[in-house]
């Protein structure tokens, strides 16, 4: 079973691509939380596990990360795109 990791920085509109954002600006949201990301991952149809004490290597403050379980049928890019789309819907 493959576990994909989603860091909040991947979806953060305040960051540049060089700082770690991995989705386009029109899909990114400001300061996503691990709770919102986990909820979006579950909406996509995968299991999510939150690890709050983890720190993204390019950041200093721990924001946590989300482990996505059972996403064997999706590429990481597809998973991030779908999660970002649901994140935007959750905040609306």
PDB file of N, CA and C in Angstrom:
ATOM      1  N   UNK A   1       0.838  -1.182   0.000  1.00  0.00           N
ATOM      2  CA  UNK A   1       0.000   0.000   0.000  1.00  0.00           C
ATOM      3  C   UNK A   1       0.886   1.249   0.000  1.00  0.00           C
ATOM      4  N   UNK A   2       0.603   2.155  -0.892  1.00  0.00           N
ATOM      5  CA  UNK A   2       1.373   3.386  -1.034  1.00  0.00           C
ATOM      6  C   UNK A   2       0.761   4.467  -0.152  1.00  0.00           C
ATOM      7  N   UNK A   3       1.612   5.168   0.574  1.00  0.00           N
ATOM      8  CA  UNK A   3       1.160   6.319   1.353  1.00  0.00           C
ATOM      9  C   UNK A   3       1.701   7.572   0.696  1.00  0.00           C
ATOM     10  N   UNK A   4       0.805   8.458   0.334  1.00  0.00           N
ATOM     11  CA  UNK A   4       1.211   9.760  -0.181  1.00  0.00           C
ATOM     12  C   UNK A   4       1.174  10.754   0.967  1.00  0.00           C
ATOM     13  N   UNK A   5       2.105  11.690   0.949  1.00  0.00           N
ATOM     14  CA  UNK A   5       2.163  12.725   1.970  1.00  0.00           C
ATOM     15  C   UNK A   5       1.732  14.053   1.345  1.00  0.00           C
ATOM     16  N   UNK A   6       0.821  14.745   2.018  1.00  0.00           N
ATOM     17  CA  UNK A   6       0.437  16.087   1.578  1.00  0.00           C
ATOM     18  C   UNK A   6       0.795  17.063   2.696  1.00  0.00           C
ATOM     19  N   UNK A   7       1.719  17.945   2.386  1.00  0.00           N
ATOM     20  CA  UNK A   7       2.100  19.009   3.306  1.00  0.00           C
ATOM     21  C   UNK A   7       1.218  20.216   3.006  1.00  0.00           C
ATOM     22  N   UNK A   8       0.829  21.008   4.011  1.00  0.00           N
ATOM     23  CA  UNK A   8       0.050  22.220   3.753  1.00  0.00           C
ATOM     24  C   UNK A   8       0.731  23.166   2.763  1.00  0.00           C
ATOM     25  N   UNK A   9       2.050  23.178   2.743  1.00  0.00           N
ATOM     26  CA  UNK A   9       2.783  24.057   1.822  1.00  0.00           C
ATOM     27  C   UNK A   9       2.456  23.744   0.366  1.00  0.00           C
ATOM     28  N   UNK A  10       2.120  22.498   0.048  1.00  0.00           N
ATOM     29  CA  UNK A  10       1.802  22.116  -1.322  1.00  0.00           C
ATOM     30  C   UNK A  10       0.590  22.878  -1.855  1.00  0.00           C
ATOM     31  N   UNK A  11      -0.307  23.297  -0.965  1.00  0.00           N
ATOM     32  CA  UNK A  11      -1.576  23.898  -1.362  1.00  0.00           C
ATOM     33  C   UNK A  11      -1.704  25.358  -0.930  1.00  0.00           C
ATOM     34  N   UNK A  12      -0.625  25.947  -0.420  1.00  0.00           N
ATOM     35  CA  UNK A  12      -0.671  27.292   0.164  1.00  0.00           C
ATOM     36  C   UNK A  12      -0.464  28.375  -0.891  1.00  0.00           C
ATOM     37  N   UNK A  13      -1.462  29.227  -1.067  1.00  0.00           N
ATOM     38  CA  UNK A  13      -1.411  30.297  -2.064  1.00  0.00           C
ATOM     39  C   UNK A  13      -0.381  31.371  -1.711  1.00  0.00           C
ATOM     40  N   UNK A  14       0.023  31.452  -0.452  1.00  0.00           N
ATOM     41  CA  UNK A  14       0.993  32.463  -0.030  1.00  0.00           C
ATOM     42  C   UNK A  14       2.427  32.087  -0.398  1.00  0.00           C
ATOM     43  N   UNK A  15       2.640  30.858  -0.843  1.00  0.00           N
ATOM     44  CA  UNK A  15       3.983  30.385  -1.175  1.00  0.00           C
ATOM     45  C   UNK A  15       4.175  30.327  -2.689  1.00  0.00           C
ATOM     46  N   UNK A  16       5.418  30.482  -3.105  1.00  0.00           N
ATOM     47  CA  UNK A  16       5.748  30.341  -4.519  1.00  0.00           C
ATOM     48  C   UNK A  16       6.056  28.866  -4.805  1.00  0.00           C
ATOM     49  N   UNK A  17       6.226  28.559  -6.068  1.00  0.00           N
ATOM     50  CA  UNK A  17       6.607  27.189  -6.436  1.00  0.00           C
ATOM     51  C   UNK A  17       7.953  26.826  -5.808  1.00  0.00           C
ATOM     52  N   UNK A  18       8.873  27.778  -5.768  1.00  0.00           N
ATOM     53  CA  UNK A  18      10.190  27.522  -5.186  1.00  0.00           C
ATOM     54  C   UNK A  18      10.101  27.250  -3.682  1.00  0.00           C
ATOM     55  N   UNK A  19       9.096  27.821  -3.032  1.00  0.00           N
ATOM     56  CA  UNK A  19       8.929  27.629  -1.592  1.00  0.00           C
ATOM     57  C   UNK A  19       8.139  26.361  -1.264  1.00  0.00           C
ATOM     58  N   UNK A  20       7.627  25.676  -2.275  1.00  0.00           N
ATOM     59  CA  UNK A  20       6.996  24.392  -2.022  1.00  0.00           C
ATOM     60  C   UNK A  20       5.588  24.200  -2.541  1.00  0.00           C
ATOM     61  N   UNK A  21       4.961  25.247  -3.098  1.00  0.00           N
ATOM     62  CA  UNK A  21       3.596  25.061  -3.614  1.00  0.00           C
ATOM     63  C   UNK A  21       3.638  24.146  -4.828  1.00  0.00           C
ATOM     64  N   UNK A  22       2.692  23.188  -4.908  1.00  0.00           N
ATOM     65  CA  UNK A  22       2.713  22.229  -6.009  1.00  0.00           C
ATOM     66  C   UNK A  22       1.449  22.263  -6.861  1.00  0.00           C
ATOM     67  N   UNK A  23       0.531  23.169  -6.557  1.00  0.00           N
ATOM     68  CA  UNK A  23      -0.655  23.331  -7.395  1.00  0.00           C
ATOM     69  C   UNK A  23      -0.666  24.756  -7.942  1.00  0.00           C
ATOM     70  N   UNK A  24      -1.454  24.993  -8.982  1.00  0.00           N
ATOM     71  CA  UNK A  24      -1.519  26.333  -9.556  1.00  0.00           C
ATOM     72  C   UNK A  24      -2.167  27.299  -8.571  1.00  0.00           C
ATOM     73  N   UNK A  25      -1.912  28.576  -8.767  1.00  0.00           N
ATOM     74  CA  UNK A  25      -2.437  29.592  -7.854  1.00  0.00           C
ATOM     75  C   UNK A  25      -3.963  29.617  -7.822  1.00  0.00           C
ATOM     76  N   UNK A  26      -4.618  29.313  -8.949  1.00  0.00           N
ATOM     77  CA  UNK A  26      -6.077  29.347  -8.949  1.00  0.00           C
ATOM     78  C   UNK A  26      -6.687  28.201  -8.133  1.00  0.00           C
ATOM     79  N   UNK A  27      -5.915  27.142  -7.857  1.00  0.00           N
ATOM     80  CA  UNK A  27      -6.400  26.045  -7.005  1.00  0.00           C
ATOM     81  C   UNK A  27      -5.922  26.178  -5.560  1.00  0.00           C
ATOM     82  N   UNK A  28      -4.857  26.934  -5.335  1.00  0.00           N
ATOM     83  CA  UNK A  28      -4.286  27.067  -3.996  1.00  0.00           C
ATOM     84  C   UNK A  28      -5.183  27.930  -3.105  1.00  0.00           C
ATOM     85  N   UNK A  29      -5.093  27.694  -1.789  1.00  0.00           N
ATOM     86  CA  UNK A  29      -5.841  28.476  -0.810  1.00  0.00           C
ATOM     87  C   UNK A  29      -4.852  29.070   0.193  1.00  0.00           C
ATOM     88  N   UNK A  30      -5.278  30.103   0.908  1.00  0.00           N
ATOM     89  CA  UNK A  30      -4.397  30.724   1.889  1.00  0.00           C
ATOM     90  C   UNK A  30      -4.392  29.922   3.184  1.00  0.00           C
ATOM     91  N   UNK A  31      -3.201  29.619   3.659  1.00  0.00           N
ATOM     92  CA  UNK A  31      -2.973  28.932   4.928  1.00  0.00           C
ATOM     93  C   UNK A  31      -3.893  27.732   5.149  1.00  0.00           C
ATOM     94  N   UNK A  32      -3.772  26.694   4.329  1.00  0.00           N
ATOM     95  CA  UNK A  32      -4.592  25.500   4.558  1.00  0.00           C
ATOM     96  C   UNK A  32      -4.149  24.779   5.834  1.00  0.00           C
ATOM     97  N   UNK A  33      -5.093  24.211   6.551  1.00  0.00           N
ATOM     98  CA  UNK A  33      -4.769  23.459   7.767  1.00  0.00           C
ATOM     99  C   UNK A  33      -4.810  21.965   7.458  1.00  0.00           C
ATOM    100  N   UNK A  34      -4.164  21.191   8.310  1.00  0.00           N
ATOM    101  CA  UNK A  34      -4.171  19.742   8.100  1.00  0.00           C
ATOM    102  C   UNK A  34      -5.585  19.172   8.265  1.00  0.00           C
ATOM    103  N   UNK A  35      -6.395  19.793   9.107  1.00  0.00           N
ATOM    104  CA  UNK A  35      -7.774  19.332   9.271  1.00  0.00           C
ATOM    105  C   UNK A  35      -8.574  19.512   7.988  1.00  0.00           C
ATOM    106  N   UNK A  36      -8.411  20.678   7.348  1.00  0.00           N
ATOM    107  CA  UNK A  36      -9.103  20.934   6.078  1.00  0.00           C
ATOM    108  C   UNK A  36      -8.604  19.986   4.992  1.00  0.00           C
ATOM    109  N   UNK A  37      -7.299  19.767   4.946  1.00  0.00           N
ATOM    110  CA  UNK A  37      -6.728  18.876   3.936  1.00  0.00           C
ATOM    111  C   UNK A  37      -7.235  17.456   4.135  1.00  0.00           C
ATOM    112  N   UNK A  38      -7.260  16.988   5.389  1.00  0.00           N
ATOM    113  CA  UNK A  38      -7.752  15.641   5.674  1.00  0.00           C
ATOM    114  C   UNK A  38      -9.213  15.500   5.277  1.00  0.00           C
ATOM    115  N   UNK A  39     -10.005  16.513   5.553  1.00  0.00           N
ATOM    116  CA  UNK A  39     -11.420  16.491   5.170  1.00  0.00           C
ATOM    117  C   UNK A  39     -11.560  16.423   3.646  1.00  0.00           C
ATOM    118  N   UNK A  40     -10.761  17.194   2.937  1.00  0.00           N
ATOM    119  CA  UNK A  40     -10.807  17.188   1.473  1.00  0.00           C
ATOM    120  C   UNK A  40     -10.371  15.832   0.915  1.00  0.00           C
ATOM    121  N   UNK A  41      -9.342  15.236   1.504  1.00  0.00           N
ATOM    122  CA  UNK A  41      -8.871  13.922   1.065  1.00  0.00           C
ATOM    123  C   UNK A  41      -9.977  12.880   1.255  1.00  0.00           C
ATOM    124  N   UNK A  42     -10.681  12.958   2.368  1.00  0.00           N
ATOM    125  CA  UNK A  42     -11.776  12.025   2.614  1.00  0.00           C
ATOM    126  C   UNK A  42     -12.918  12.247   1.633  1.00  0.00           C
ATOM    127  N   UNK A  43     -13.161  13.494   1.233  1.00  0.00           N
ATOM    128  CA  UNK A  43     -14.179  13.789   0.226  1.00  0.00           C
ATOM    129  C   UNK A  43     -13.787  13.182  -1.124  1.00  0.00           C
ATOM    130  N   UNK A  44     -12.493  13.156  -1.409  1.00  0.00           N
ATOM    131  CA  UNK A  44     -12.017  12.559  -2.653  1.00  0.00           C
ATOM    132  C   UNK A  44     -12.216  11.043  -2.616  1.00  0.00           C
ATOM    133  N   UNK A  45     -12.199  10.470  -1.421  1.00  0.00           N
ATOM    134  CA  UNK A  45     -12.465   9.037  -1.290  1.00  0.00           C
ATOM    135  C   UNK A  45     -11.333   8.208  -0.736  1.00  0.00           C
ATOM    136  N   UNK A  46     -10.378   8.838  -0.091  1.00  0.00           N
ATOM    137  CA  UNK A  46      -9.250   8.110   0.491  1.00  0.00           C
ATOM    138  C   UNK A  46      -9.207   8.319   1.998  1.00  0.00           C
ATOM    139  N   UNK A  47      -8.492   7.433   2.679  1.00  0.00           N
ATOM    140  CA  UNK A  47      -8.308   7.565   4.121  1.00  0.00           C
ATOM    141  C   UNK A  47      -7.174   8.538   4.393  1.00  0.00           C
ATOM    142  N   UNK A  48      -7.351   9.361   5.413  1.00  0.00           N
ATOM    143  CA  UNK A  48      -6.340  10.358   5.759  1.00  0.00           C
ATOM    144  C   UNK A  48      -5.947  10.226   7.221  1.00  0.00           C
ATOM    145  N   UNK A  49      -4.652  10.339   7.485  1.00  0.00           N
ATOM    146  CA  UNK A  49      -4.120  10.319   8.840  1.00  0.00           C
ATOM    147  C   UNK A  49      -3.343  11.616   9.044  1.00  0.00           C
ATOM    148  N   UNK A  50      -3.670  12.337  10.099  1.00  0.00           N
ATOM    149  CA  UNK A  50      -3.019  13.618  10.384  1.00  0.00           C
ATOM    150  C   UNK A  50      -1.849  13.395  11.347  1.00  0.00           C
ATOM    151  N   UNK A  51      -0.709  13.959  10.999  1.00  0.00           N
ATOM    152  CA  UNK A  51       0.458  13.967  11.880  1.00  0.00           C
ATOM    153  C   UNK A  51       0.778  15.429  12.177  1.00  0.00           C
ATOM    154  N   UNK A  52       0.351  15.902  13.330  1.00  0.00           N
ATOM    155  CA  UNK A  52       0.435  17.333  13.658  1.00  0.00           C
ATOM    156  C   UNK A  52       1.841  17.805  14.029  1.00  0.00           C
ATOM    157  N   UNK A  53       2.705  16.940  14.494  1.00  0.00           N
ATOM    158  CA  UNK A  53       4.011  17.375  14.997  1.00  0.00           C
ATOM    159  C   UNK A  53       5.078  17.485  13.909  1.00  0.00           C
ATOM    160  N   UNK A  54       4.754  17.173  12.679  1.00  0.00           N
ATOM    161  CA  UNK A  54       5.744  17.181  11.602  1.00  0.00           C
ATOM    162  C   UNK A  54       5.924  18.581  11.017  1.00  0.00           C
ATOM    163  N   UNK A  55       7.148  18.863  10.569  1.00  0.00           N
ATOM    164  CA  UNK A  55       7.480  20.151   9.981  1.00  0.00           C
ATOM    165  C   UNK A  55       8.009  19.949   8.568  1.00  0.00           C
ATOM    166  N   UNK A  56       7.421  20.682   7.626  1.00  0.00           N
ATOM    167  CA  UNK A  56       7.879  20.641   6.234  1.00  0.00           C
ATOM    168  C   UNK A  56       9.335  21.101   6.200  1.00  0.00           C
ATOM    169  N   UNK A  57      10.207  20.409   5.468  1.00  0.00           N
ATOM    170  CA  UNK A  57      11.637  20.734   5.499  1.00  0.00           C
ATOM    171  C   UNK A  57      11.996  22.176   5.156  1.00  0.00           C
ATOM    172  N   UNK A  58      11.168  22.877   4.373  1.00  0.00           N
ATOM    173  CA  UNK A  58      11.480  24.246   3.992  1.00  0.00           C
ATOM    174  C   UNK A  58      10.868  25.274   4.938  1.00  0.00           C
ATOM    175  N   UNK A  59      10.214  24.831   5.991  1.00  0.00           N
ATOM    176  CA  UNK A  59       9.582  25.742   6.945  1.00  0.00           C
ATOM    177  C   UNK A  59      10.161  25.528   8.332  1.00  0.00           C
ATOM    178  N   UNK A  60       9.900  26.497   9.221  1.00  0.00           N
ATOM    179  CA  UNK A  60      10.422  26.417  10.583  1.00  0.00           C
ATOM    180  C   UNK A  60       9.358  26.053  11.593  1.00  0.00           C
ATOM    181  N   UNK A  61       8.131  26.444  11.344  1.00  0.00           N
ATOM    182  CA  UNK A  61       7.039  26.157  12.269  1.00  0.00           C
ATOM    183  C   UNK A  61       6.329  24.863  11.864  1.00  0.00           C
ATOM    184  N   UNK A  62       6.075  23.972  12.805  1.00  0.00           N
ATOM    185  CA  UNK A  62       5.357  22.738  12.451  1.00  0.00           C
ATOM    186  C   UNK A  62       3.889  23.021  12.136  1.00  0.00           C
ATOM    187  N   UNK A  63       3.460  22.635  10.928  1.00  0.00           N
ATOM    188  CA  UNK A  63       2.048  22.757  10.552  1.00  0.00           C
ATOM    189  C   UNK A  63       1.424  21.381  10.394  1.00  0.00           C
ATOM    190  N   UNK A  64       2.259  20.337  10.495  1.00  0.00           N
ATOM    191  CA  UNK A  64       1.751  18.989  10.351  1.00  0.00           C
ATOM    192  C   UNK A  64       1.748  18.548   8.904  1.00  0.00           C
ATOM    193  N   UNK A  65       1.261  17.325   8.706  1.00  0.00           N
ATOM    194  CA  UNK A  65       1.122  16.772   7.368  1.00  0.00           C
ATOM    195  C   UNK A  65      -0.011  15.768   7.376  1.00  0.00           C
ATOM    196  N   UNK A  66      -0.467  15.407   6.185  1.00  0.00           N
ATOM    197  CA  UNK A  66      -1.549  14.434   6.050  1.00  0.00           C
ATOM    198  C   UNK A  66      -1.020  13.255   5.245  1.00  0.00           C
ATOM    199  N   UNK A  67      -1.155  12.054   5.801  1.00  0.00           N
ATOM    200  CA  UNK A  67      -0.816  10.835   5.078  1.00  0.00           C
ATOM    201  C   UNK A  67      -2.080  10.329   4.404  1.00  0.00           C
ATOM    202  N   UNK A  68      -1.993  10.061   3.123  1.00  0.00           N
ATOM    203  CA  UNK A  68      -3.135   9.563   2.356  1.00  0.00           C
ATOM    204  C   UNK A  68      -2.908   8.083   2.103  1.00  0.00           C
ATOM    205  N   UNK A  69      -3.828   7.258   2.591  1.00  0.00           N
ATOM    206  CA  UNK A  69      -3.684   5.809   2.465  1.00  0.00           C
ATOM    207  C   UNK A  69      -4.617   5.281   1.384  1.00  0.00           C
ATOM    208  N   UNK A  70      -4.127   4.312   0.647  1.00  0.00           N
ATOM    209  CA  UNK A  70      -4.954   3.646  -0.347  1.00  0.00           C
ATOM    210  C   UNK A  70      -5.111   4.399  -1.644  1.00  0.00           C
ATOM    211  N   UNK A  71      -4.200   5.315  -1.949  1.00  0.00           N
ATOM    212  CA  UNK A  71      -4.299   6.091  -3.185  1.00  0.00           C
ATOM    213  C   UNK A  71      -3.441   5.461  -4.282  1.00  0.00           C
ATOM    214  N   UNK A  72      -3.468   4.141  -4.372  1.00  0.00           N
ATOM    215  CA  UNK A  72      -2.649   3.426  -5.349  1.00  0.00           C
ATOM    216  C   UNK A  72      -3.064   3.724  -6.789  1.00  0.00           C
ATOM    217  N   UNK A  73      -4.334   4.082  -6.981  1.00  0.00           N
ATOM    218  CA  UNK A  73      -4.865   4.274  -8.328  1.00  0.00           C
ATOM    219  C   UNK A  73      -4.699   5.693  -8.853  1.00  0.00           C
ATOM    220  N   UNK A  74      -4.100   6.594  -8.065  1.00  0.00           N
ATOM    221  CA  UNK A  74      -3.962   7.993  -8.483  1.00  0.00           C
ATOM    222  C   UNK A  74      -2.503   8.429  -8.380  1.00  0.00           C
ATOM    223  N   UNK A  75      -2.105   9.302  -9.302  1.00  0.00           N
ATOM    224  CA  UNK A  75      -0.769   9.877  -9.196  1.00  0.00           C
ATOM    225  C   UNK A  75      -0.806  10.972  -8.133  1.00  0.00           C
ATOM    226  N   UNK A  76       0.345  11.341  -7.647  1.00  0.00           N
ATOM    227  CA  UNK A  76       0.397  12.384  -6.618  1.00  0.00           C
ATOM    228  C   UNK A  76      -0.150  13.704  -7.163  1.00  0.00           C
ATOM    229  N   UNK A  77       0.160  14.002  -8.406  1.00  0.00           N
ATOM    230  CA  UNK A  77      -0.331  15.231  -9.020  1.00  0.00           C
ATOM    231  C   UNK A  77      -1.861  15.236  -9.087  1.00  0.00           C
ATOM    232  N   UNK A  78      -2.450  14.125  -9.509  1.00  0.00           N
ATOM    233  CA  UNK A  78      -3.920  14.026  -9.568  1.00  0.00           C
ATOM    234  C   UNK A  78      -4.531  14.163  -8.182  1.00  0.00           C
ATOM    235  N   UNK A  79      -3.897  13.536  -7.204  1.00  0.00           N
ATOM    236  CA  UNK A  79      -4.383  13.590  -5.828  1.00  0.00           C
ATOM    237  C   UNK A  79      -4.353  15.035  -5.308  1.00  0.00           C
ATOM    238  N   UNK A  80      -3.272  15.754  -5.569  1.00  0.00           N
ATOM    239  CA  UNK A  80      -3.167  17.142  -5.128  1.00  0.00           C
ATOM    240  C   UNK A  80      -4.194  18.035  -5.815  1.00  0.00           C
ATOM    241  N   UNK A  81      -4.421  17.825  -7.108  1.00  0.00           N
ATOM    242  CA  UNK A  81      -5.404  18.619  -7.845  1.00  0.00           C
ATOM    243  C   UNK A  81      -6.807  18.404  -7.279  1.00  0.00           C
ATOM    244  N   UNK A  82      -7.179  17.148  -7.044  1.00  0.00           N
ATOM    245  CA  UNK A  82      -8.512  16.837  -6.523  1.00  0.00           C
ATOM    246  C   UNK A  82      -8.678  17.373  -5.106  1.00  0.00           C
ATOM    247  N   UNK A  83      -7.645  17.216  -4.280  1.00  0.00           N
ATOM    248  CA  UNK A  83      -7.703  17.712  -2.906  1.00  0.00           C
ATOM    249  C   UNK A  83      -7.841  19.229  -2.893  1.00  0.00           C
ATOM    250  N   UNK A  84      -7.088  19.921  -3.746  1.00  0.00           N
ATOM    251  CA  UNK A  84      -7.160  21.384  -3.809  1.00  0.00           C
ATOM    252  C   UNK A  84      -8.550  21.845  -4.243  1.00  0.00           C
ATOM    253  N   UNK A  85      -9.160  21.135  -5.182  1.00  0.00           N
ATOM    254  CA  UNK A  85     -10.498  21.504  -5.645  1.00  0.00           C
ATOM    255  C   UNK A  85     -11.516  21.360  -4.508  1.00  0.00           C
ATOM    256  N   UNK A  86     -11.423  20.299  -3.731  1.00  0.00           N
ATOM    257  CA  UNK A  86     -12.331  20.118  -2.597  1.00  0.00           C
ATOM    258  C   UNK A  86     -12.048  21.112  -1.483  1.00  0.00           C
ATOM    259  N   UNK A  87     -10.772  21.467  -1.291  1.00  0.00           N
ATOM    260  CA  UNK A  87     -10.420  22.468  -0.275  1.00  0.00           C
ATOM    261  C   UNK A  87     -11.117  23.786  -0.566  1.00  0.00           C
ATOM    262  N   UNK A  88     -11.102  24.174  -1.837  1.00  0.00           N
ATOM    263  CA  UNK A  88     -11.761  25.413  -2.232  1.00  0.00           C
ATOM    264  C   UNK A  88     -13.258  25.334  -1.967  1.00  0.00           C
ATOM    265  N   UNK A  89     -13.858  24.173  -2.232  1.00  0.00           N
ATOM    266  CA  UNK A  89     -15.301  23.990  -1.994  1.00  0.00           C
ATOM    267  C   UNK A  89     -15.626  23.991  -0.502  1.00  0.00           C
ATOM    268  N   UNK A  90     -14.736  23.437   0.309  1.00  0.00           N
ATOM    269  CA  UNK A  90     -14.952  23.394   1.764  1.00  0.00           C
ATOM    270  C   UNK A  90     -14.974  24.815   2.335  1.00  0.00           C
ATOM    271  N   UNK A  91     -14.099  25.666   1.823  1.00  0.00           N
ATOM    272  CA  UNK A  91     -14.009  27.036   2.344  1.00  0.00           C
ATOM    273  C   UNK A  91     -15.107  27.957   1.838  1.00  0.00           C
ATOM    274  N   UNK A  92     -15.750  27.597   0.739  1.00  0.00           N
ATOM    275  CA  UNK A  92     -16.777  28.470   0.153  1.00  0.00           C
ATOM    276  C   UNK A  92     -18.062  28.488   0.971  1.00  0.00           C
TER     277      UNK A  92
END
